[in-house]
Protein backbone atom coordinates (compact mmCIF):
# COMPACT_ATOMS: atom_id res chain seq x y z
CA MET A 1 10.77 21.28 -81.68
CA GLY A 2 13.82 21.82 -79.45
CA SER A 3 17.18 23.32 -80.13
CA PHE A 4 20.15 21.51 -81.62
CA GLU A 5 22.24 22.91 -78.76
CA GLN A 6 20.46 20.62 -76.28
CA PHE A 7 22.54 17.67 -77.50
CA ASN A 8 25.74 17.58 -75.48
CA TRP A 9 27.56 14.26 -75.61
CA LYS A 10 30.99 15.37 -74.47
CA GLY A 11 32.93 12.33 -73.31
CA LYS A 12 30.95 9.97 -75.56
CA GLN A 13 32.38 8.12 -78.56
CA ILE A 14 30.35 7.49 -81.71
CA LEU A 15 31.39 5.30 -84.63
CA ILE A 16 30.00 6.44 -87.97
CA VAL A 17 29.96 3.68 -90.59
CA GLU A 18 29.26 5.32 -93.93
CA ASP A 19 30.73 4.86 -97.42
CA ASP A 20 29.03 7.84 -99.05
CA LYS A 21 31.28 10.90 -98.74
CA PRO A 22 28.47 13.53 -98.75
CA SER A 23 26.61 11.58 -96.04
CA SER A 24 29.81 11.37 -93.96
CA ILE A 25 30.33 15.12 -94.29
CA LEU A 26 26.73 15.78 -93.22
CA LEU A 27 26.97 13.46 -90.22
CA THR A 28 30.32 14.96 -89.21
CA ALA A 29 28.90 18.49 -89.35
CA LEU A 30 25.81 17.44 -87.41
CA LEU A 31 27.47 15.33 -84.72
CA GLY A 32 30.60 17.44 -84.44
CA ARG A 33 28.58 20.09 -82.62
CA THR A 34 27.60 17.66 -79.85
CA GLY A 35 31.07 17.30 -78.33
CA ALA A 36 31.19 13.55 -78.99
CA LYS A 37 34.43 12.02 -80.26
CA LEU A 38 33.78 10.62 -83.74
CA TYR A 39 35.34 7.56 -85.35
CA PHE A 40 34.82 6.60 -88.97
CA ALA A 41 34.63 3.40 -91.01
CA THR A 42 33.74 3.09 -94.68
CA ASN A 43 32.81 -0.60 -94.64
CA GLY A 44 31.54 -3.29 -92.32
CA GLN A 45 34.90 -4.97 -91.75
CA GLN A 46 36.49 -1.69 -90.62
CA ALA A 47 33.59 -1.17 -88.21
CA VAL A 48 34.01 -4.64 -86.71
CA ASP A 49 37.77 -4.09 -86.36
CA ILE A 50 37.30 -0.72 -84.63
CA VAL A 51 34.78 -2.13 -82.16
CA LYS A 52 36.98 -5.14 -81.37
CA THR A 53 39.98 -2.88 -80.63
CA ASN A 54 38.16 -0.01 -78.88
CA ASN A 55 35.99 -0.88 -75.89
CA SER A 56 35.00 2.78 -75.45
CA ILE A 57 32.59 3.11 -78.39
CA ASP A 58 29.26 4.25 -76.93
CA LEU A 59 27.08 4.14 -80.05
CA ILE A 60 27.28 3.18 -83.73
CA LEU A 61 25.56 4.78 -86.71
CA MET A 62 25.53 1.99 -89.28
CA ASP A 63 24.85 2.45 -92.96
CA ILE A 64 23.36 -0.78 -94.29
CA LYS A 65 24.36 -0.75 -97.94
CA LEU A 66 28.16 -1.07 -97.85
CA GLU A 67 30.71 -2.70 -100.15
CA GLY A 68 32.07 -6.03 -98.95
CA MET A 69 30.66 -6.78 -95.51
CA ASN A 70 27.34 -4.92 -95.41
CA GLY A 71 25.81 -3.19 -92.40
CA ILE A 72 23.56 -6.11 -91.49
CA GLN A 73 26.52 -8.52 -91.38
CA ALA A 74 28.66 -6.05 -89.44
CA SER A 75 25.85 -5.29 -86.97
CA THR A 76 25.35 -9.01 -86.33
CA ILE A 77 29.06 -9.55 -85.58
CA ILE A 78 29.32 -6.40 -83.45
CA HIS A 79 26.17 -7.30 -81.52
CA GLU A 80 27.57 -10.79 -80.82
CA HIS A 81 30.88 -9.26 -79.68
CA ASN A 82 29.30 -6.53 -77.53
CA PRO A 83 25.49 -6.54 -77.25
CA ASN A 84 25.57 -3.39 -75.08
CA ILE A 85 26.63 -1.01 -77.87
CA PRO A 86 23.50 0.55 -79.38
CA ILE A 87 23.58 0.32 -83.18
CA ILE A 88 21.36 2.70 -85.13
CA ALA A 89 20.78 1.66 -88.73
CA GLN A 90 20.70 4.55 -91.18
CA THR A 91 19.85 3.60 -94.69
CA ALA A 92 18.19 4.48 -97.95
CA CYS A 93 16.97 0.85 -98.10
CA VAL A 94 13.32 1.17 -97.23
CA MET A 95 11.92 -1.98 -98.77
CA ALA A 96 9.52 -4.24 -96.90
CA GLY A 97 11.45 -6.24 -94.32
CA ASP A 98 14.49 -3.92 -94.16
CA ARG A 99 13.63 -2.57 -90.70
CA GLU A 100 13.00 -6.08 -89.41
CA ASN A 101 16.34 -7.32 -90.83
CA CYS A 102 18.16 -4.45 -89.11
CA MET A 103 16.51 -5.15 -85.78
CA ALA A 104 17.21 -8.88 -86.08
CA ALA A 105 20.90 -8.03 -86.62
CA GLY A 106 21.01 -6.23 -83.27
CA CYS A 107 20.16 -2.66 -84.23
CA VAL A 108 18.12 -0.73 -81.66
CA ALA A 109 16.69 1.82 -84.10
CA TYR A 110 16.23 2.44 -87.82
CA VAL A 111 16.45 5.85 -89.48
CA SER A 112 15.71 6.18 -93.19
CA LYS A 113 17.55 8.49 -95.58
CA PRO A 114 17.30 11.27 -96.36
CA ILE A 115 17.98 11.80 -92.68
CA ASP A 116 16.00 14.31 -90.67
CA ALA A 117 18.82 15.88 -88.62
CA TYR A 118 16.77 16.67 -85.52
CA GLU A 119 15.07 13.25 -85.54
CA LEU A 120 18.46 11.51 -85.77
CA LEU A 121 19.82 13.55 -82.85
CA GLN A 122 16.75 12.67 -80.77
CA VAL A 123 17.20 8.96 -81.49
CA ILE A 124 20.91 9.09 -80.63
CA ASP A 125 20.16 11.09 -77.48
CA LYS A 126 17.71 8.43 -76.31
CA TYR A 127 20.45 5.78 -76.38
CA ILE A 128 23.33 8.01 -75.20
CA ASN A 129 21.23 9.02 -72.19
CA ALA A 130 20.32 5.37 -71.56
CA ILE A 131 24.06 4.69 -71.29
CA LYS A 132 24.41 7.51 -68.73
CA ILE A 133 21.48 6.19 -66.68
CA GLU A 134 22.74 2.60 -66.81
CA ASN A 135 26.23 3.67 -65.65
CA THR A 136 24.71 5.74 -62.83
CA VAL A 137 22.67 2.77 -61.65
CA LYS A 138 25.76 0.53 -61.65
CA THR A 139 27.69 3.16 -59.67
CA LEU A 140 24.92 3.41 -57.06
CA SER A 141 24.68 -0.38 -56.64
C-alpha cells in the first residue's frame, strides 16, 4: 500500500456531488490534501448546472441516491453534454444491477460506501492521470 502523499492533483478540478453532510466532510478532508480545486453540489440538477457553466471540471464524484434529480439522471445528462469528463459513482446502493446502471449512465467507475479512502484515491488517480496523458498526446500531435 502506498502513501496518501503520492496523490498530487494541483491544477485539477473535481466536482463532488453529495447530499450527506458527513460524507461531504470526509471527501473534503480526503481530497483537500491532493491540491485539487473542489466544487460541490448537493443534488443532480446543481451538478448539471455546474458542468454546463464550467468547462474546466476534470472529474466528478457522483453520489447516486440524491433528492430530485438522482445521480444516474445527472450522470446521463452530463455524459451527453461532455462525454470526456470521467464520472465516478460513489454510492451505498449495492443492489444487483446498480453498477451496470451507473456504467450505462456514463460513469467510468463505481465505488461502494463505506468508501475505502486509499481505494478511492487510486481510482481517481487513474482517471486524473489519463487526462494528463491525453492532453500530452494532443500537445505532441
